[in-house]
Amino acid sequence: MTVTAADKTGARTTEAAGVITGARERIDALDDRIIGLIQERMAVSAVIQEARITSGGRRVNLSREMEVLDHYRQALGKPGTALAMTMLELCRGRV
């Protein structure tokens, strides 16, 4: 049995399948960029944490994290808070 583009996309026409396929390729490219940016943010966060710990401070600055959570919530609504929490967890490293 041959699987068509329409089968893979759930589209009912070849034209719609083409649109969906192109849009999915763009989403995949955006996801790769987002992952790269998060990895970059993790590296920058590690520098900040190291400087803070070396100076006798704590690894995590809760007031700063609250600012980040609020920023994401304002920009993206309630789901933005969950996204920010996940990102902060990734950026904290092993606590």
PDB file of N, CA and C in Angstrom:
ATOM      1  N   MET A   1       0.835  -1.184   0.000  1.00  0.00           N
ATOM      2  CA  MET A   1       0.000   0.000   0.000  1.00  0.00           C
ATOM      3  C   MET A   1       0.879   1.246   0.000  1.00  0.00           C
ATOM      4  N   THR A   2       0.608   2.159  -0.899  1.00  0.00           N
ATOM      5  CA  THR A   2       1.368   3.393  -1.020  1.00  0.00           C
ATOM      6  C   THR A   2       0.749   4.464  -0.126  1.00  0.00           C
ATOM      7  N   VAL A   3       1.611   5.127   0.665  1.00  0.00           N
ATOM      8  CA  VAL A   3       1.163   6.213   1.525  1.00  0.00           C
ATOM      9  C   VAL A   3       1.383   7.522   0.777  1.00  0.00           C
ATOM     10  N   THR A   4       0.335   8.298   0.624  1.00  0.00           N
ATOM     11  CA  THR A   4       0.422   9.566  -0.100  1.00  0.00           C
ATOM     12  C   THR A   4       0.670  10.713   0.876  1.00  0.00           C
ATOM     13  N   ALA A   5       1.008  11.882   0.312  1.00  0.00           N
ATOM     14  CA  ALA A   5       1.205  13.080   1.133  1.00  0.00           C
ATOM     15  C   ALA A   5      -0.078  13.421   1.879  1.00  0.00           C
ATOM     16  N   ALA A   6      -1.209  13.225   1.217  1.00  0.00           N
ATOM     17  CA  ALA A   6      -2.493  13.497   1.872  1.00  0.00           C
ATOM     18  C   ALA A   6      -2.685  12.566   3.069  1.00  0.00           C
ATOM     19  N   ASP A   7      -2.265  11.311   2.942  1.00  0.00           N
ATOM     20  CA  ASP A   7      -2.367  10.366   4.058  1.00  0.00           C
ATOM     21  C   ASP A   7      -1.496  10.813   5.234  1.00  0.00           C
ATOM     22  N   LYS A   8      -0.297  11.286   4.954  1.00  0.00           N
ATOM     23  CA  LYS A   8       0.636  11.694   6.001  1.00  0.00           C
ATOM     24  C   LYS A   8       0.193  12.952   6.729  1.00  0.00           C
ATOM     25  N   THR A   9      -0.528  13.824   6.033  1.00  0.00           N
ATOM     26  CA  THR A   9      -0.892  15.111   6.608  1.00  0.00           C
ATOM     27  C   THR A   9      -2.310  15.151   7.156  1.00  0.00           C
ATOM     28  N   GLY A  10      -3.138  14.219   6.750  1.00  0.00           N
ATOM     29  CA  GLY A  10      -4.543  14.248   7.141  1.00  0.00           C
ATOM     30  C   GLY A  10      -5.363  15.164   6.253  1.00  0.00           C
ATOM     31  N   ALA A  11      -4.738  15.735   5.231  1.00  0.00           N
ATOM     32  CA  ALA A  11      -5.437  16.623   4.306  1.00  0.00           C
ATOM     33  C   ALA A  11      -6.324  15.814   3.374  1.00  0.00           C
ATOM     34  N   ARG A  12      -7.320  16.484   2.842  1.00  0.00           N
ATOM     35  CA  ARG A  12      -8.240  15.803   1.931  1.00  0.00           C
ATOM     36  C   ARG A  12      -7.953  16.093   0.475  1.00  0.00           C
ATOM     37  N   THR A  13      -7.020  17.012   0.238  1.00  0.00           N
ATOM     38  CA  THR A  13      -6.631  17.297  -1.147  1.00  0.00           C
ATOM     39  C   THR A  13      -5.114  17.335  -1.239  1.00  0.00           C
ATOM     40  N   THR A  14      -4.617  17.115  -2.437  1.00  0.00           N
ATOM     41  CA  THR A  14      -3.177  17.177  -2.671  1.00  0.00           C
ATOM     42  C   THR A  14      -2.664  18.591  -2.429  1.00  0.00           C
ATOM     43  N   GLU A  15      -3.464  19.580  -2.807  1.00  0.00           N
ATOM     44  CA  GLU A  15      -3.076  20.984  -2.613  1.00  0.00           C
ATOM     45  C   GLU A  15      -2.899  21.299  -1.123  1.00  0.00           C
ATOM     46  N   ALA A  16      -3.863  20.893  -0.306  1.00  0.00           N
ATOM     47  CA  ALA A  16      -3.763  21.129   1.139  1.00  0.00           C
ATOM     48  C   ALA A  16      -2.593  20.359   1.730  1.00  0.00           C
ATOM     49  N   ALA A  17      -2.350  19.146   1.237  1.00  0.00           N
ATOM     50  CA  ALA A  17      -1.222  18.347   1.724  1.00  0.00           C
ATOM     51  C   ALA A  17       0.088  19.065   1.453  1.00  0.00           C
ATOM     52  N   GLY A  18       0.194  19.717   0.295  1.00  0.00           N
ATOM     53  CA  GLY A  18       1.404  20.472  -0.031  1.00  0.00           C
ATOM     54  C   GLY A  18       1.612  21.651   0.907  1.00  0.00           C
ATOM     55  N   VAL A  19       0.533  22.356   1.210  1.00  0.00           N
ATOM     56  CA  VAL A  19       0.610  23.484   2.141  1.00  0.00           C
ATOM     57  C   VAL A  19       1.046  22.993   3.515  1.00  0.00           C
ATOM     58  N   ILE A  20       0.434  21.933   3.983  1.00  0.00           N
ATOM     59  CA  ILE A  20       0.747  21.378   5.307  1.00  0.00           C
ATOM     60  C   ILE A  20       2.187  20.895   5.359  1.00  0.00           C
ATOM     61  N   THR A  21       2.636  20.211   4.331  1.00  0.00           N
ATOM     62  CA  THR A  21       4.007  19.707   4.302  1.00  0.00           C
ATOM     63  C   THR A  21       5.008  20.861   4.371  1.00  0.00           C
ATOM     64  N   GLY A  22       4.772  21.908   3.598  1.00  0.00           N
ATOM     65  CA  GLY A  22       5.659  23.068   3.630  1.00  0.00           C
ATOM     66  C   GLY A  22       5.653  23.755   4.983  1.00  0.00           C
ATOM     67  N   ALA A  23       4.473  23.904   5.573  1.00  0.00           N
ATOM     68  CA  ALA A  23       4.366  24.548   6.882  1.00  0.00           C
ATOM     69  C   ALA A  23       5.046  23.702   7.957  1.00  0.00           C
ATOM     70  N   ARG A  24       4.914  22.384   7.857  1.00  0.00           N
ATOM     71  CA  ARG A  24       5.581  21.510   8.844  1.00  0.00           C
ATOM     72  C   ARG A  24       7.095  21.617   8.731  1.00  0.00           C
ATOM     73  N   GLU A  25       7.597  21.753   7.518  1.00  0.00           N
ATOM     74  CA  GLU A  25       9.046  21.931   7.350  1.00  0.00           C
ATOM     75  C   GLU A  25       9.501  23.222   8.023  1.00  0.00           C
ATOM     76  N   ARG A  26       8.698  24.267   7.894  1.00  0.00           N
ATOM     77  CA  ARG A  26       9.036  25.542   8.546  1.00  0.00           C
ATOM     78  C   ARG A  26       8.991  25.392  10.065  1.00  0.00           C
ATOM     79  N   ILE A  27       7.979  24.695  10.574  1.00  0.00           N
ATOM     80  CA  ILE A  27       7.879  24.456  12.017  1.00  0.00           C
ATOM     81  C   ILE A  27       9.091  23.670  12.508  1.00  0.00           C
ATOM     82  N   ASP A  28       9.510  22.657  11.757  1.00  0.00           N
ATOM     83  CA  ASP A  28      10.691  21.884  12.155  1.00  0.00           C
ATOM     84  C   ASP A  28      11.929  22.774  12.227  1.00  0.00           C
ATOM     85  N   ALA A  29      12.076  23.682  11.252  1.00  0.00           N
ATOM     86  CA  ALA A  29      13.211  24.601  11.263  1.00  0.00           C
ATOM     87  C   ALA A  29      13.114  25.554  12.455  1.00  0.00           C
ATOM     88  N   LEU A  30      11.922  26.054  12.756  1.00  0.00           N
ATOM     89  CA  LEU A  30      11.736  26.925  13.918  1.00  0.00           C
ATOM     90  C   LEU A  30      12.053  26.185  15.208  1.00  0.00           C
ATOM     91  N   ASP A  31      11.597  24.935  15.305  1.00  0.00           N
ATOM     92  CA  ASP A  31      11.895  24.136  16.498  1.00  0.00           C
ATOM     93  C   ASP A  31      13.395  23.970  16.687  1.00  0.00           C
ATOM     94  N   ASP A  32      14.124  23.748  15.594  1.00  0.00           N
ATOM     95  CA  ASP A  32      15.580  23.622  15.692  1.00  0.00           C
ATOM     96  C   ASP A  32      16.198  24.923  16.209  1.00  0.00           C
ATOM     97  N   ARG A  33      15.690  26.065  15.750  1.00  0.00           N
ATOM     98  CA  ARG A  33      16.200  27.353  16.221  1.00  0.00           C
ATOM     99  C   ARG A  33      15.867  27.560  17.695  1.00  0.00           C
ATOM    100  N   ILE A  34      14.641  27.207  18.090  1.00  0.00           N
ATOM    101  CA  ILE A  34      14.233  27.353  19.486  1.00  0.00           C
ATOM    102  C   ILE A  34      15.116  26.499  20.389  1.00  0.00           C
ATOM    103  N   ILE A  35      15.359  25.262  19.992  1.00  0.00           N
ATOM    104  CA  ILE A  35      16.227  24.368  20.774  1.00  0.00           C
ATOM    105  C   ILE A  35      17.622  24.972  20.892  1.00  0.00           C
ATOM    106  N   GLY A  36      18.146  25.500  19.795  1.00  0.00           N
ATOM    107  CA  GLY A  36      19.462  26.134  19.828  1.00  0.00           C
ATOM    108  C   GLY A  36      19.495  27.332  20.769  1.00  0.00           C
ATOM    109  N   LEU A  37      18.445  28.128  20.757  1.00  0.00           N
ATOM    110  CA  LEU A  37      18.375  29.296  21.644  1.00  0.00           C
ATOM    111  C   LEU A  37      18.285  28.864  23.107  1.00  0.00           C
ATOM    112  N   ILE A  38      17.534  27.821  23.375  1.00  0.00           N
ATOM    113  CA  ILE A  38      17.449  27.333  24.757  1.00  0.00           C
ATOM    114  C   ILE A  38      18.804  26.803  25.212  1.00  0.00           C
ATOM    115  N   GLN A  39      19.502  26.096  24.331  1.00  0.00           N
ATOM    116  CA  GLN A  39      20.839  25.613  24.685  1.00  0.00           C
ATOM    117  C   GLN A  39      21.784  26.782  24.947  1.00  0.00           C
ATOM    118  N   GLU A  40      21.674  27.833  24.160  1.00  0.00           N
ATOM    119  CA  GLU A  40      22.491  29.031  24.378  1.00  0.00           C
ATOM    120  C   GLU A  40      22.132  29.676  25.714  1.00  0.00           C
ATOM    121  N   ARG A  41      20.830  29.743  26.018  1.00  0.00           N
ATOM    122  CA  ARG A  41      20.391  30.312  27.286  1.00  0.00           C
ATOM    123  C   ARG A  41      20.913  29.490  28.462  1.00  0.00           C
ATOM    124  N   MET A  42      20.928  28.174  28.314  1.00  0.00           N
ATOM    125  CA  MET A  42      21.456  27.302  29.362  1.00  0.00           C
ATOM    126  C   MET A  42      22.927  27.616  29.631  1.00  0.00           C
ATOM    127  N   ALA A  43      23.696  27.840  28.565  1.00  0.00           N
ATOM    128  CA  ALA A  43      25.121  28.143  28.714  1.00  0.00           C
ATOM    129  C   ALA A  43      25.320  29.488  29.410  1.00  0.00           C
ATOM    130  N   VAL A  44      24.537  30.497  29.032  1.00  0.00           N
ATOM    131  CA  VAL A  44      24.650  31.808  29.661  1.00  0.00           C
ATOM    132  C   VAL A  44      24.229  31.716  31.127  1.00  0.00           C
ATOM    133  N   SER A  45      23.190  30.967  31.397  1.00  0.00           N
ATOM    134  CA  SER A  45      22.725  30.781  32.774  1.00  0.00           C
ATOM    135  C   SER A  45      23.810  30.115  33.623  1.00  0.00           C
ATOM    136  N   ALA A  46      24.525  29.165  33.047  1.00  0.00           N
ATOM    137  CA  ALA A  46      25.605  28.491  33.777  1.00  0.00           C
ATOM    138  C   ALA A  46      26.703  29.490  34.158  1.00  0.00           C
ATOM    139  N   VAL A  47      27.006  30.437  33.271  1.00  0.00           N
ATOM    140  CA  VAL A  47      28.005  31.478  33.564  1.00  0.00           C
ATOM    141  C   VAL A  47      27.532  32.329  34.740  1.00  0.00           C
ATOM    142  N   ILE A  48      26.263  32.722  34.714  1.00  0.00           N
ATOM    143  CA  ILE A  48      25.700  33.538  35.793  1.00  0.00           C
ATOM    144  C   ILE A  48      25.736  32.776  37.114  1.00  0.00           C
ATOM    145  N   GLN A  49      25.320  31.519  37.078  1.00  0.00           N
ATOM    146  CA  GLN A  49      25.312  30.708  38.296  1.00  0.00           C
ATOM    147  C   GLN A  49      26.719  30.557  38.869  1.00  0.00           C
ATOM    148  N   GLU A  50      27.676  30.320  38.012  1.00  0.00           N
ATOM    149  CA  GLU A  50      29.062  30.154  38.460  1.00  0.00           C
ATOM    150  C   GLU A  50      29.561  31.431  39.131  1.00  0.00           C
ATOM    151  N   ALA A  51      29.274  32.575  38.502  1.00  0.00           N
ATOM    152  CA  ALA A  51      29.703  33.856  39.082  1.00  0.00           C
ATOM    153  C   ALA A  51      29.021  34.089  40.427  1.00  0.00           C
ATOM    154  N   ARG A  52      27.741  33.763  40.506  1.00  0.00           N
ATOM    155  CA  ARG A  52      27.011  33.972  41.750  1.00  0.00           C
ATOM    156  C   ARG A  52      27.553  33.062  42.858  1.00  0.00           C
ATOM    157  N   ILE A  53      27.772  31.799  42.546  1.00  0.00           N
ATOM    158  CA  ILE A  53      28.261  30.834  43.546  1.00  0.00           C
ATOM    159  C   ILE A  53      29.676  31.189  43.973  1.00  0.00           C
ATOM    160  N   THR A  54      30.525  31.536  43.021  1.00  0.00           N
ATOM    161  CA  THR A  54      31.904  31.905  43.321  1.00  0.00           C
ATOM    162  C   THR A  54      31.974  33.112  44.252  1.00  0.00           C
ATOM    163  N   SER A  55      31.012  34.017  44.118  1.00  0.00           N
ATOM    164  CA  SER A  55      30.997  35.212  44.964  1.00  0.00           C
ATOM    165  C   SER A  55      30.320  34.968  46.312  1.00  0.00           C
ATOM    166  N   GLY A  56      29.931  33.714  46.555  1.00  0.00           N
ATOM    167  CA  GLY A  56      29.307  33.374  47.830  1.00  0.00           C
ATOM    168  C   GLY A  56      27.789  33.408  47.814  1.00  0.00           C
ATOM    169  N   GLY A  57      27.216  33.631  46.643  1.00  0.00           N
ATOM    170  CA  GLY A  57      25.759  33.676  46.521  1.00  0.00           C
ATOM    171  C   GLY A  57      25.158  32.302  46.278  1.00  0.00           C
ATOM    172  N   ARG A  58      23.858  32.303  46.120  1.00  0.00           N
ATOM    173  CA  ARG A  58      23.124  31.061  45.863  1.00  0.00           C
ATOM    174  C   ARG A  58      23.055  30.798  44.358  1.00  0.00           C
ATOM    175  N   ARG A  59      22.865  29.553  44.010  1.00  0.00           N
ATOM    176  CA  ARG A  59      22.766  29.158  42.594  1.00  0.00           C
ATOM    177  C   ARG A  59      21.573  29.834  41.915  1.00  0.00           C
ATOM    178  N   VAL A  60      20.436  29.907  42.612  1.00  0.00           N
ATOM    179  CA  VAL A  60      19.202  30.404  42.026  1.00  0.00           C
ATOM    180  C   VAL A  60      18.815  31.726  42.675  1.00  0.00           C
ATOM    181  N   ASN A  61      18.386  32.679  41.839  1.00  0.00           N
ATOM    182  CA  ASN A  61      17.884  33.965  42.309  1.00  0.00           C
ATOM    183  C   ASN A  61      16.370  33.960  42.080  1.00  0.00           C
ATOM    184  N   LEU A  62      15.611  33.690  43.146  1.00  0.00           N
ATOM    185  CA  LEU A  62      14.168  33.517  43.005  1.00  0.00           C
ATOM    186  C   LEU A  62      13.455  34.769  42.513  1.00  0.00           C
ATOM    187  N   SER A  63      13.903  35.942  42.917  1.00  0.00           N
ATOM    188  CA  SER A  63      13.234  37.161  42.438  1.00  0.00           C
ATOM    189  C   SER A  63      13.418  37.313  40.922  1.00  0.00           C
ATOM    190  N   ARG A  64      14.580  36.957  40.419  1.00  0.00           N
ATOM    191  CA  ARG A  64      14.821  37.008  38.978  1.00  0.00           C
ATOM    192  C   ARG A  64      13.937  35.981  38.267  1.00  0.00           C
ATOM    193  N   GLU A  65      13.817  34.789  38.835  1.00  0.00           N
ATOM    194  CA  GLU A  65      12.972  33.776  38.219  1.00  0.00           C
ATOM    195  C   GLU A  65      11.514  34.235  38.161  1.00  0.00           C
ATOM    196  N   MET A  66      11.065  34.938  39.190  1.00  0.00           N
ATOM    197  CA  MET A  66       9.695  35.464  39.192  1.00  0.00           C
ATOM    198  C   MET A  66       9.516  36.488  38.067  1.00  0.00           C
ATOM    199  N   GLU A  67      10.546  37.304  37.817  1.00  0.00           N
ATOM    200  CA  GLU A  67      10.490  38.263  36.712  1.00  0.00           C
ATOM    201  C   GLU A  67      10.349  37.530  35.375  1.00  0.00           C
ATOM    202  N   VAL A  68      11.124  36.464  35.208  1.00  0.00           N
ATOM    203  CA  VAL A  68      11.072  35.687  33.966  1.00  0.00           C
ATOM    204  C   VAL A  68       9.687  35.056  33.804  1.00  0.00           C
ATOM    205  N   LEU A  69       9.169  34.462  34.874  1.00  0.00           N
ATOM    206  CA  LEU A  69       7.841  33.851  34.810  1.00  0.00           C
ATOM    207  C   LEU A  69       6.778  34.873  34.430  1.00  0.00           C
ATOM    208  N   ASP A  70       6.850  36.058  35.020  1.00  0.00           N
ATOM    209  CA  ASP A  70       5.881  37.104  34.726  1.00  0.00           C
ATOM    210  C   ASP A  70       5.995  37.567  33.276  1.00  0.00           C
ATOM    211  N   HIS A  71       7.218  37.684  32.799  1.00  0.00           N
ATOM    212  CA  HIS A  71       7.454  38.105  31.408  1.00  0.00           C
ATOM    213  C   HIS A  71       6.794  37.120  30.430  1.00  0.00           C
ATOM    214  N   TYR A  72       7.015  35.837  30.646  1.00  0.00           N
ATOM    215  CA  TYR A  72       6.435  34.816  29.773  1.00  0.00           C
ATOM    216  C   TYR A  72       4.911  34.780  29.894  1.00  0.00           C
ATOM    217  N   ARG A  73       4.386  34.947  31.121  1.00  0.00           N
ATOM    218  CA  ARG A  73       2.941  34.942  31.326  1.00  0.00           C
ATOM    219  C   ARG A  73       2.305  36.117  30.598  1.00  0.00           C
ATOM    220  N   GLN A  74       2.919  37.281  30.699  1.00  0.00           N
ATOM    221  CA  GLN A  74       2.371  38.458  30.027  1.00  0.00           C
ATOM    222  C   GLN A  74       2.400  38.300  28.504  1.00  0.00           C
ATOM    223  N   ALA A  75       3.447  37.689  28.001  1.00  0.00           N
ATOM    224  CA  ALA A  75       3.591  37.537  26.550  1.00  0.00           C
ATOM    225  C   ALA A  75       2.737  36.409  25.982  1.00  0.00           C
ATOM    226  N   LEU A  76       2.576  35.315  26.760  1.00  0.00           N
ATOM    227  CA  LEU A  76       1.962  34.103  26.206  1.00  0.00           C
ATOM    228  C   LEU A  76       0.751  33.593  26.989  1.00  0.00           C
ATOM    229  N   GLY A  77       0.383  34.290  28.047  1.00  0.00           N
ATOM    230  CA  GLY A  77      -0.735  33.814  28.854  1.00  0.00           C
ATOM    231  C   GLY A  77      -0.303  32.702  29.799  1.00  0.00           C
ATOM    232  N   LYS A  78      -1.291  32.050  30.392  1.00  0.00           N
ATOM    233  CA  LYS A  78      -1.012  31.018  31.392  1.00  0.00           C
ATOM    234  C   LYS A  78      -0.063  29.917  30.880  1.00  0.00           C
ATOM    235  N   PRO A  79      -0.225  29.442  29.642  1.00  0.00           N
ATOM    236  CA  PRO A  79       0.724  28.427  29.152  1.00  0.00           C
ATOM    237  C   PRO A  79       2.167  28.939  29.120  1.00  0.00           C
ATOM    238  N   GLY A  80       2.343  30.263  29.002  1.00  0.00           N
ATOM    239  CA  GLY A  80       3.682  30.844  29.013  1.00  0.00           C
ATOM    240  C   GLY A  80       4.388  30.603  30.337  1.00  0.00           C
ATOM    241  N   THR A  81       3.605  30.604  31.427  1.00  0.00           N
ATOM    242  CA  THR A  81       4.183  30.336  32.749  1.00  0.00           C
ATOM    243  C   THR A  81       4.740  28.923  32.803  1.00  0.00           C
ATOM    244  N   ALA A  82       3.981  27.969  32.289  1.00  0.00           N
ATOM    245  CA  ALA A  82       4.443  26.570  32.273  1.00  0.00           C
ATOM    246  C   ALA A  82       5.687  26.424  31.402  1.00  0.00           C
ATOM    247  N   LEU A  83       5.688  27.103  30.262  1.00  0.00           N
ATOM    248  CA  LEU A  83       6.856  27.061  29.377  1.00  0.00           C
ATOM    249  C   LEU A  83       8.075  27.642  30.074  1.00  0.00           C
ATOM    250  N   ALA A  84       7.889  28.781  30.749  1.00  0.00           N
ATOM    251  CA  ALA A  84       9.008  29.418  31.463  1.00  0.00           C
ATOM    252  C   ALA A  84       9.514  28.523  32.581  1.00  0.00           C
ATOM    253  N   MET A  85       8.615  27.866  33.293  1.00  0.00           N
ATOM    254  CA  MET A  85       9.036  26.957  34.374  1.00  0.00           C
ATOM    255  C   MET A  85       9.923  25.845  33.818  1.00  0.00           C
ATOM    256  N   THR A  86       9.534  25.289  32.702  1.00  0.00           N
ATOM    257  CA  THR A  86      10.330  24.226  32.081  1.00  0.00           C
ATOM    258  C   THR A  86      11.690  24.761  31.651  1.00  0.00           C
ATOM    259  N   MET A  87      11.690  25.944  31.036  1.00  0.00           N
ATOM    260  CA  MET A  87      12.955  26.541  30.604  1.00  0.00           C
ATOM    261  C   MET A  87      13.861  26.828  31.792  1.00  0.00           C
ATOM    262  N   LEU A  88      13.280  27.394  32.864  1.00  0.00           N
ATOM    263  CA  LEU A  88      14.093  27.674  34.055  1.00  0.00           C
ATOM    264  C   LEU A  88      14.658  26.391  34.645  1.00  0.00           C
ATOM    265  N   GLU A  89      13.865  25.342  34.647  1.00  0.00           N
ATOM    266  CA  GLU A  89      14.351  24.052  35.157  1.00  0.00           C
ATOM    267  C   GLU A  89      15.529  23.564  34.336  1.00  0.00           C
ATOM    268  N   LEU A  90      15.443  23.690  33.030  1.00  0.00           N
ATOM    269  CA  LEU A  90      16.555  23.294  32.154  1.00  0.00           C
ATOM    270  C   LEU A  90      17.791  24.135  32.422  1.00  0.00           C
ATOM    271  N   CYS A  91      17.594  25.431  32.671  1.00  0.00           N
ATOM    272  CA  CYS A  91      18.707  26.355  32.824  1.00  0.00           C
ATOM    273  C   CYS A  91      19.357  26.313  34.203  1.00  0.00           C
ATOM    274  N   ARG A  92      18.664  25.791  35.189  1.00  0.00           N
ATOM    275  CA  ARG A  92      19.238  25.708  36.526  1.00  0.00           C
ATOM    276  C   ARG A  92      20.346  24.674  36.600  1.00  0.00           C
ATOM    277  N   GLY A  93      20.284  23.691  35.740  1.00  0.00           N
ATOM    278  CA  GLY A  93      21.243  22.592  35.836  1.00  0.00           C
ATOM    279  C   GLY A  93      20.912  21.723  37.036  1.00  0.00           C
ATOM    280  N   ARG A  94      21.843  20.945  37.452  1.00  0.00           N
ATOM    281  CA  ARG A  94      21.615  20.056  38.599  1.00  0.00           C
ATOM    282  C   ARG A  94      21.693  20.853  39.884  1.00  0.00           C
ATOM    283  N   VAL A  95      20.594  20.877  40.605  1.00  0.00           N
ATOM    284  CA  VAL A  95      20.551  21.624  41.868  1.00  0.00           C
ATOM    285  C   VAL A  95      20.831  20.683  43.005  1.00  0.00           C
TER     286      VAL A  95
END
